[in-house]
Structure formats: structure tokens, C-alpha cells
């Protein structure tokens, strides 16, 4: 290996990596995303240079120089990855529940809108023969109650069914949120429509004298799934309220501020919908006793509610509202200094 040629050819690369690594060491946030990507790429290139020098050249000074450079850049690269992991964990355990807690009134409104629609339609069909007749022809109703509803949950392999359900539910949640920018009106319509669909199904089972089948196939996954829909609807209503009543802010500023918070909710709900999909695919139609299927869904649901409530309240106590890039207002929550008598 011609050491002089190697140095001449690669000196600019080594100098650039050295500059990026030193800047990142001084200020971890001082590099742009493009520069961080460049640092990682150069770190890998110089690591290969070091391996070649150690193998094919007998130049301890050059090997020591490259080794020190790789060590510096490695600390930055792995430190960046560690910080990214910490940021992801913080978003999941702090920012998401903080955003949900901040939007709790809107989520309550979302829940009420859905439940009123479901109970009104379901009660009407369950208690009115005329409503039952108007809902669908008799043969269609019988097929739905006796066969279609039950077989739906076992119509595909569990993994395939769970993936399809997750995609569908995540799409409903994203639509309920995203359409909220139109002053929340489409969000309300989506909540009402989904409530009506659930109400029709429940009403038909009650009218047929078989409400137990409905509940045992809805509760295992529905508790968590519908809660996620309510939360997505609440995020959409918050966005709609910011558009309709921006207060003393410009409408664009109000939407941007609420959007940073609402998007946290939607991203966090991806995980919630994933768990709900797994419950629907692997638990709802499982050949387990009813108490085991319903109990599993109930435990998961209560665990989620307990966690998001406790973590959300704790985050709110630190001054957090769940917006992206938000920093806790620690100064406002420091204990008072002790009074010193003179």
C-alpha cells in the first residue's frame, strides 16, 4: 500500500469527518439532519480506511490517527442513536399521554357523540318492529345475525385478519383526525356514522333475542379499538376548534400549534390500533371461554386507560401539553425555597 497516496486521496474525507465530529461533540444539536447523515456515511468510510491501513500498511502513526478519528465519530454516531431512542421512548411514555390528557374534554365530546348515535339507533331497532323491518329484508337480517357477523372474525388467518383490521381502523382514526381541520364537522359526521353502524349491529342482535353473541364478539377488541377512535375524534375536534376559534392568534398559528399536539396523538394511536388489531385477530374469535376472551380485552383496555391517565396527569403537572418539541416547565414546579429566619 502506498501510504502517501492513501493520505493524499483521503485527507479531505478525514478532515471533513473530524470537523463534523468535533462540532457534534461541542453541540449535539449543532448539526443538521443532512450533516448527521453525512457524518454516519463518512464514519463508515473511514472505518474501512482504518481496517485497510491496519491490514496492508505498516504505519502506526497513520493507524493511530485514524483510530482516534473513528473513536470520536463513533461516540457521536452511537450517541445520536441513543438520543433518538430516548426521544422515541419519551414520545411514547410522556408526550403521547400528555397530548391525550390535554385533549380529554374533546375526547369526552367525541365519545358522547358516538355513543348517543349508537344507543339511539340501537335502541330504536331493538325496541321497534317497524325499525327492524326498515333496516333490511328479513332474510338479510337472519343471515347477518346467524352467520355473517360471527364468521367475519374467523374468515381469514388470524395474522392476515389482524393486519387488515389494523389498516382499516388506522385509516378511520386518521380520517377522523385529518378532516377536523374543516372546523370539526367531518369529524363529527364520521363519529356519528360509525356509531350508527355499531348501533344497527347491536340493535339487530337484540331484536333477534341474542345480545350475548354481539357483546362477546365486540368487547374483546372493541373496548380498546373504540377508545382509540374516540381519541382520534377528540384530536380532530381540537384541530377544528383551533380553526374555528383561533382566539388572539392567527388561524394559521393556532392550527400549527394544535397540529403539533394532535399529530402526536395520531402517531401514538398507531400503536393502540395495532394492539386492538391483534386482539381482534387473535382473541375475539379464539376458541377460549367467553370470560377469557372478554377478560383479556378488558384487562388490556383498563391497563391502557390507567397508564394514559396517570402518565398524562403527571406530564400536565410538569407543564406539558403534548406538543412536538415541548420542554417541561420545570421552573414553575420547583419546590419553594426554605425561609431563613434572621
Protein backbone atom coordinates (compact mmCIF):
# COMPACT_ATOMS: atom_id res chain seq x y z
CA UNK A 1 0.00 0.00 0.00
CA UNK A 2 1.30 3.45 -0.97
CA UNK A 3 0.71 5.33 2.30
CA UNK A 4 1.40 8.76 0.77
CA UNK A 5 -1.14 8.12 -1.97
CA UNK A 6 -3.72 6.97 0.60
CA UNK A 7 -3.18 10.14 2.64
CA UNK A 8 -3.38 12.43 -0.39
CA UNK A 9 -6.52 10.75 -1.71
CA UNK A 10 -8.45 10.64 1.55
CA UNK A 11 -7.21 13.63 3.54
CA UNK A 12 -10.25 15.74 2.62
CA UNK A 13 -12.60 12.98 3.81
CA UNK A 14 -10.75 12.61 7.10
CA UNK A 15 -10.71 16.36 7.69
CA UNK A 16 -14.42 16.63 6.97
CA UNK A 17 -15.24 13.80 9.39
CA UNK A 18 -13.01 15.36 12.02
CA UNK A 19 -14.78 18.71 11.63
CA UNK A 20 -18.26 17.17 11.87
CA UNK A 21 -17.33 15.02 14.87
CA UNK A 22 -15.82 17.96 16.78
CA UNK A 23 -18.82 20.19 16.07
CA UNK A 24 -21.22 17.48 17.17
CA UNK A 25 -19.22 16.87 20.33
CA UNK A 26 -19.45 20.58 21.23
CA UNK A 27 -23.18 20.83 20.48
CA UNK A 28 -25.16 17.63 19.74
CA UNK A 29 -27.90 19.73 18.11
CA UNK A 30 -25.48 21.80 16.07
CA UNK A 31 -25.58 19.56 13.01
CA UNK A 32 -28.40 19.50 10.51
CA UNK A 33 -30.08 16.26 9.52
CA UNK A 34 -28.09 16.19 6.28
CA UNK A 35 -24.83 16.71 8.17
CA UNK A 36 -25.68 13.91 10.60
CA UNK A 37 -26.32 11.59 7.66
CA UNK A 38 -23.01 12.68 6.14
CA UNK A 39 -21.22 12.03 9.43
CA UNK A 40 -22.55 8.47 9.59
CA UNK A 41 -21.53 7.82 5.96
CA UNK A 42 -18.03 9.22 6.49
CA UNK A 43 -17.66 7.29 9.74
CA UNK A 44 -18.25 4.04 7.85
CA UNK A 45 -15.82 5.03 5.08
CA UNK A 46 -13.04 5.99 7.46
CA UNK A 47 -13.62 2.81 9.47
CA UNK A 48 -12.91 0.85 6.29
CA UNK A 49 -9.81 3.01 5.69
CA UNK A 50 -8.58 2.15 9.19
CA UNK A 51 -9.12 -1.56 8.59
CA UNK A 52 -7.14 -1.37 5.33
CA UNK A 53 -4.27 0.55 6.93
CA UNK A 54 -4.03 -1.93 9.77
CA UNK A 55 -4.03 -4.85 7.34
CA UNK A 56 -1.92 -3.64 4.43
CA UNK A 57 0.24 -0.78 5.72
CA UNK A 58 2.81 -0.68 8.47
CA UNK A 59 2.34 2.92 9.54
CA UNK A 60 1.50 3.10 13.26
CA UNK A 61 1.16 6.91 13.17
CA UNK A 62 -1.49 6.84 10.44
CA UNK A 63 -3.27 3.93 12.14
CA UNK A 64 -3.30 5.82 15.45
CA UNK A 65 -4.62 8.97 13.76
CA UNK A 66 -7.45 7.13 12.01
CA UNK A 67 -8.23 5.11 15.14
CA UNK A 68 -8.67 8.31 17.17
CA UNK A 69 -10.83 9.81 14.41
CA UNK A 70 -13.06 6.72 14.22
CA UNK A 71 -13.37 6.65 18.01
CA UNK A 72 -14.51 10.31 18.06
CA UNK A 73 -17.03 9.86 15.28
CA UNK A 74 -18.23 6.56 16.75
CA UNK A 75 -19.07 8.30 20.02
CA UNK A 76 -21.17 10.83 18.11
CA UNK A 77 -22.89 8.23 15.91
CA UNK A 78 -23.84 5.93 18.76
CA UNK A 79 -24.70 8.90 20.96
CA UNK A 80 -27.06 10.18 18.26
CA UNK A 81 -28.72 6.79 18.01
CA UNK A 82 -29.08 6.65 21.78
CA UNK A 83 -30.63 10.12 21.85
CA UNK A 84 -33.02 9.14 19.05
CA UNK A 85 -34.09 6.07 21.02
CA UNK A 86 -34.60 8.22 24.10
CA UNK A 87 -36.70 10.63 22.07
CA UNK A 88 -38.88 7.78 20.77
CA UNK A 89 -39.32 6.40 24.29
CA UNK A 90 -40.15 9.86 25.62
CA UNK A 91 -42.73 10.39 22.87
CA UNK A 92 -44.40 7.08 23.73
CA UNK A 93 -44.32 7.41 27.52
CA UNK A 94 -44.63 11.17 28.08
CA UNK A 95 -45.62 13.20 25.02
CA UNK A 96 -48.48 10.98 23.83
CA UNK A 97 -50.27 10.66 27.20
CA UNK A 98 -49.70 14.39 27.78
CA UNK A 99 -51.44 15.19 24.49
CA UNK A 100 -54.31 12.81 25.28
CA UNK A 101 -54.76 14.33 28.74
CA UNK A 102 -54.72 17.85 27.29
CA UNK A 103 -57.47 16.87 24.82
CA UNK A 104 -59.59 15.00 27.38
CA UNK A 105 -62.63 17.30 27.10
CA UNK A 106 -62.67 16.97 23.31
CA UNK A 107 -62.24 13.20 23.66
CA UNK A 108 -65.21 13.11 26.04
CA UNK A 109 -67.30 15.02 23.50
CA UNK A 110 -66.17 12.58 20.79
CA UNK A 111 -67.21 9.66 22.99
CA UNK A 112 -70.62 11.15 23.75
CA UNK A 113 -71.35 11.87 20.07
CA UNK A 114 -70.52 8.29 19.10
CA UNK A 115 -72.41 6.71 22.00
CA UNK A 116 -75.53 8.83 21.52
CA UNK A 117 -75.70 7.80 17.86
CA UNK A 118 -75.07 4.12 18.68
CA UNK A 119 -77.55 3.95 21.55
CA UNK A 120 -80.24 5.91 19.73
CA UNK A 121 -80.14 3.75 16.61
CA UNK A 122 -79.53 0.51 18.50
CA UNK A 123 -82.36 1.19 20.93
CA UNK A 124 -84.73 2.16 18.14
CA UNK A 125 -84.09 -1.07 16.22
CA UNK A 126 -84.15 -3.23 19.35
CA UNK A 127 -87.49 -1.83 20.53
CA UNK A 128 -89.34 -1.10 17.30
CA UNK A 129 -90.59 -3.75 14.89
CA UNK A 130 -91.01 -1.06 12.27
CA UNK A 131 -87.34 -0.10 12.62
CA UNK A 132 -86.29 -3.73 12.31
CA UNK A 133 -88.33 -4.13 9.14
CA UNK A 134 -86.91 -0.92 7.70
CA UNK A 135 -83.29 -1.87 8.45
CA UNK A 136 -83.10 -4.76 5.96
CA UNK A 137 -85.17 -7.60 4.45
CA UNK A 138 -85.81 -10.50 6.84
CA UNK A 139 -83.56 -12.97 5.04
CA UNK A 140 -80.70 -10.46 5.07
CA UNK A 141 -81.16 -9.82 8.79
CA UNK A 142 -81.20 -13.52 9.60
CA UNK A 143 -78.09 -14.17 7.51
CA UNK A 144 -76.29 -11.30 9.21
CA UNK A 145 -77.17 -12.29 12.78
CA UNK A 146 -76.87 -16.05 12.40
CA UNK A 147 -73.86 -16.31 10.10
CA UNK A 148 -72.11 -13.23 8.70
CA UNK A 149 -71.34 -11.40 11.94
CA UNK A 150 -69.86 -14.46 13.63
CA UNK A 151 -67.96 -15.77 10.62
CA UNK A 152 -66.45 -12.35 9.90
CA UNK A 153 -64.00 -12.76 12.79
CA UNK A 154 -62.75 -16.13 11.56
CA UNK A 155 -62.94 -15.53 7.81
CA UNK A 156 -59.15 -15.22 7.42
CA UNK A 157 -56.00 -16.44 9.16
CA UNK A 158 -55.51 -14.50 12.39
CA UNK A 159 -52.39 -12.63 11.28
CA UNK A 160 -53.92 -11.59 7.95
CA UNK A 161 -57.16 -10.55 9.60
CA UNK A 162 -55.33 -8.56 12.29
CA UNK A 163 -53.30 -6.71 9.65
CA UNK A 164 -56.40 -5.84 7.63
CA UNK A 165 -58.30 -4.68 10.70
CA UNK A 166 -55.34 -2.55 11.81
CA UNK A 167 -55.12 -0.88 8.41
CA UNK A 168 -58.86 -0.17 8.36
CA UNK A 169 -59.00 1.17 11.91
CA UNK A 170 -55.90 3.31 11.50
CA UNK A 171 -57.46 4.76 8.35
CA UNK A 172 -60.67 5.63 10.22
CA UNK A 173 -58.65 7.27 13.00
CA UNK A 174 -56.52 9.26 10.57
CA UNK A 175 -59.63 10.41 8.69
CA UNK A 176 -61.39 11.44 11.91
CA UNK A 177 -58.34 13.50 12.85
CA UNK A 178 -57.35 14.93 9.48
CA UNK A 179 -60.84 16.04 8.49
CA UNK A 180 -61.08 18.02 11.72
CA UNK A 181 -59.34 20.92 10.02
CA UNK A 182 -62.69 21.66 8.34
CA UNK A 183 -63.97 23.11 11.62
CA UNK A 184 -64.57 19.62 13.04
CA UNK A 185 -67.74 18.98 11.03
CA UNK A 186 -66.47 15.93 9.08
CA UNK A 187 -65.06 14.50 12.32
CA UNK A 188 -68.49 14.67 13.94
CA UNK A 189 -70.04 13.05 10.86
CA UNK A 190 -67.52 10.18 10.98
CA UNK A 191 -68.23 9.60 14.67
CA UNK A 192 -71.99 9.59 14.07
CA UNK A 193 -71.70 7.25 11.08
CA UNK A 194 -69.55 4.75 12.97
CA UNK A 195 -71.86 4.99 15.97
CA UNK A 196 -74.85 4.25 13.74
CA UNK A 197 -73.08 1.20 12.27
CA UNK A 198 -72.40 -0.24 15.71
CA UNK A 199 -75.94 0.63 16.83
CA UNK A 200 -77.51 -1.15 13.87
CA UNK A 201 -75.50 -4.30 14.54
CA UNK A 202 -76.32 -4.31 18.24
CA UNK A 203 -79.97 -3.50 17.63
CA UNK A 204 -80.38 -6.40 15.21
CA UNK A 205 -78.93 -8.85 17.73
CA UNK A 206 -81.20 -7.52 20.49
CA UNK A 207 -84.22 -7.75 18.19
CA UNK A 208 -83.25 -11.35 17.39
CA UNK A 209 -83.03 -12.16 21.10
CA UNK A 210 -79.28 -12.87 21.01
CA UNK A 211 -77.46 -9.86 22.52
CA UNK A 212 -74.88 -12.13 24.17
CA UNK A 213 -73.27 -13.08 20.87
CA UNK A 214 -72.93 -9.42 19.93
CA UNK A 215 -71.23 -8.41 23.16
CA UNK A 216 -68.90 -11.39 23.37
CA UNK A 217 -67.63 -10.64 19.85
CA UNK A 218 -67.38 -6.87 20.34
CA UNK A 219 -65.92 -6.44 23.82
CA UNK A 220 -62.59 -8.32 23.48
CA UNK A 221 -61.24 -5.83 20.93
CA UNK A 222 -63.93 -3.15 20.82
CA UNK A 223 -63.16 -1.57 24.18
CA UNK A 224 -59.65 -0.58 23.09
CA UNK A 225 -60.49 -0.05 19.44
CA UNK A 226 -63.40 2.32 20.08
CA UNK A 227 -61.41 4.19 22.74
CA UNK A 228 -58.75 4.82 20.10
CA UNK A 229 -61.43 6.07 17.69
CA UNK A 230 -62.77 8.40 20.39
CA UNK A 231 -59.26 9.77 21.00
CA UNK A 232 -58.70 10.31 17.27
CA UNK A 233 -62.06 12.07 17.08
CA UNK A 234 -61.07 14.26 20.02
CA UNK A 235 -57.84 15.23 18.24
CA UNK A 236 -59.87 16.14 15.16
CA UNK A 237 -62.25 18.26 17.24
CA UNK A 238 -59.30 20.06 18.84
CA UNK A 239 -57.99 20.84 15.37
CA UNK A 240 -61.43 22.02 14.27
CA UNK A 241 -61.78 24.24 17.34
CA UNK A 242 -58.42 25.86 16.60
CA UNK A 243 -59.60 26.56 13.05
CA UNK A 244 -62.98 27.93 14.15
CA UNK A 245 -61.92 29.83 17.27
CA UNK A 246 -58.22 30.77 17.00
CA UNK A 247 -58.55 33.37 19.75
CA UNK A 248 -55.97 36.15 19.64
CA UNK A 249 -53.74 34.10 17.34
CA UNK A 250 -53.75 33.99 13.57
CA UNK A 251 -55.68 30.97 12.36
CA UNK A 252 -52.56 29.51 10.74
CA UNK A 253 -50.64 29.86 14.01
CA UNK A 254 -53.47 28.26 16.00
CA UNK A 255 -53.66 25.34 13.57
CA UNK A 256 -49.89 24.89 13.63
CA UNK A 257 -49.84 24.84 17.43
CA UNK A 258 -52.71 22.40 17.73
CA UNK A 259 -51.38 20.34 14.85
CA UNK A 260 -48.10 19.73 16.69
CA UNK A 261 -50.12 18.29 19.56
CA UNK A 262 -52.75 16.42 17.57
CA UNK A 263 -50.22 14.70 15.31
CA UNK A 264 -48.60 13.25 18.44
CA UNK A 265 -51.94 11.67 19.29
CA UNK A 266 -52.38 10.21 15.82
CA UNK A 267 -48.86 8.76 15.74
CA UNK A 268 -49.34 7.29 19.21
CA UNK A 269 -52.65 5.76 18.17
CA UNK A 270 -50.87 3.68 15.55
CA UNK A 271 -49.60 1.50 18.39
CA UNK A 272 -53.01 1.41 20.06
CA UNK A 273 -54.74 0.37 16.83
CA UNK A 274 -52.05 -2.27 16.34
CA UNK A 275 -52.81 -3.79 19.74
CA UNK A 276 -56.56 -3.61 19.04
CA UNK A 277 -56.00 -5.36 15.72
CA UNK A 278 -54.04 -8.12 17.42
CA UNK A 279 -56.86 -8.56 19.93
CA UNK A 280 -59.43 -8.75 17.15
CA UNK A 281 -57.34 -11.16 15.12
CA UNK A 282 -56.11 -13.48 17.85
CA UNK A 283 -58.51 -13.12 20.82
CA UNK A 284 -62.01 -12.23 19.64
CA UNK A 285 -62.54 -15.42 17.63
CA UNK A 286 -60.23 -17.62 19.70
CA UNK A 287 -61.70 -20.92 20.96
CA UNK A 288 -61.50 -19.70 24.55
CA UNK A 289 -64.19 -19.40 27.20
CA UNK A 290 -66.13 -16.17 26.95
CA UNK A 291 -64.74 -14.92 30.25
CA UNK A 292 -61.18 -15.38 28.99
CA UNK A 293 -61.74 -13.51 25.72
CA UNK A 294 -63.69 -10.64 27.27
CA UNK A 295 -61.38 -10.59 30.29
CA UNK A 296 -58.27 -10.29 28.12
CA UNK A 297 -59.70 -7.34 26.22
CA UNK A 298 -60.90 -5.69 29.42
CA UNK A 299 -57.53 -6.02 31.16
CA UNK A 300 -55.71 -4.52 28.16
CA UNK A 301 -58.24 -1.69 27.94
CA UNK A 302 -58.10 -0.86 31.65
CA UNK A 303 -54.32 -1.01 31.54
CA UNK A 304 -54.25 1.49 28.69
CA UNK A 305 -56.72 3.84 30.40
CA UNK A 306 -54.85 3.67 33.69
CA UNK A 307 -51.49 4.29 32.08
CA UNK A 308 -52.54 7.15 29.80
CA UNK A 309 -54.43 8.85 32.64
CA UNK A 310 -51.64 8.57 35.20
CA UNK A 311 -48.87 9.48 32.75
CA UNK A 312 -50.94 12.29 31.25
CA UNK A 313 -51.69 13.87 34.62
CA UNK A 314 -48.04 13.59 35.63
CA UNK A 315 -46.94 15.26 32.40
CA UNK A 316 -49.52 18.03 32.84
CA UNK A 317 -48.16 18.65 36.35
CA UNK A 318 -44.80 19.35 34.70
CA UNK A 319 -46.38 21.88 32.36
CA UNK A 320 -46.51 19.60 29.31
CA UNK A 321 -49.40 19.59 26.83
CA UNK A 322 -48.05 17.00 24.39
CA UNK A 323 -46.86 19.28 21.58
CA UNK A 324 -43.89 18.18 19.49
CA UNK A 325 -40.62 19.63 20.77
CA UNK A 326 -42.17 20.79 24.03
CA UNK A 327 -39.94 21.21 27.09
CA UNK A 328 -41.24 20.77 30.63
CA UNK A 329 -41.77 23.96 32.58
CA UNK A 330 -39.62 22.79 35.46
CA UNK A 331 -39.06 26.24 36.89
CA UNK A 332 -42.75 26.63 37.59
CA UNK A 333 -42.80 23.41 39.57
CA UNK A 334 -39.74 23.77 41.76
CA UNK A 335 -40.38 23.48 45.50
CA UNK A 336 -40.27 26.84 47.29
CA UNK A 337 -37.05 27.83 48.97
CA UNK A 338 -36.97 27.47 52.72
CA UNK A 339 -37.44 30.68 54.65
CA UNK A 340 -34.39 31.64 56.65
CA UNK A 341 -35.01 33.41 59.96
CA UNK A 342 -32.79 36.30 60.79
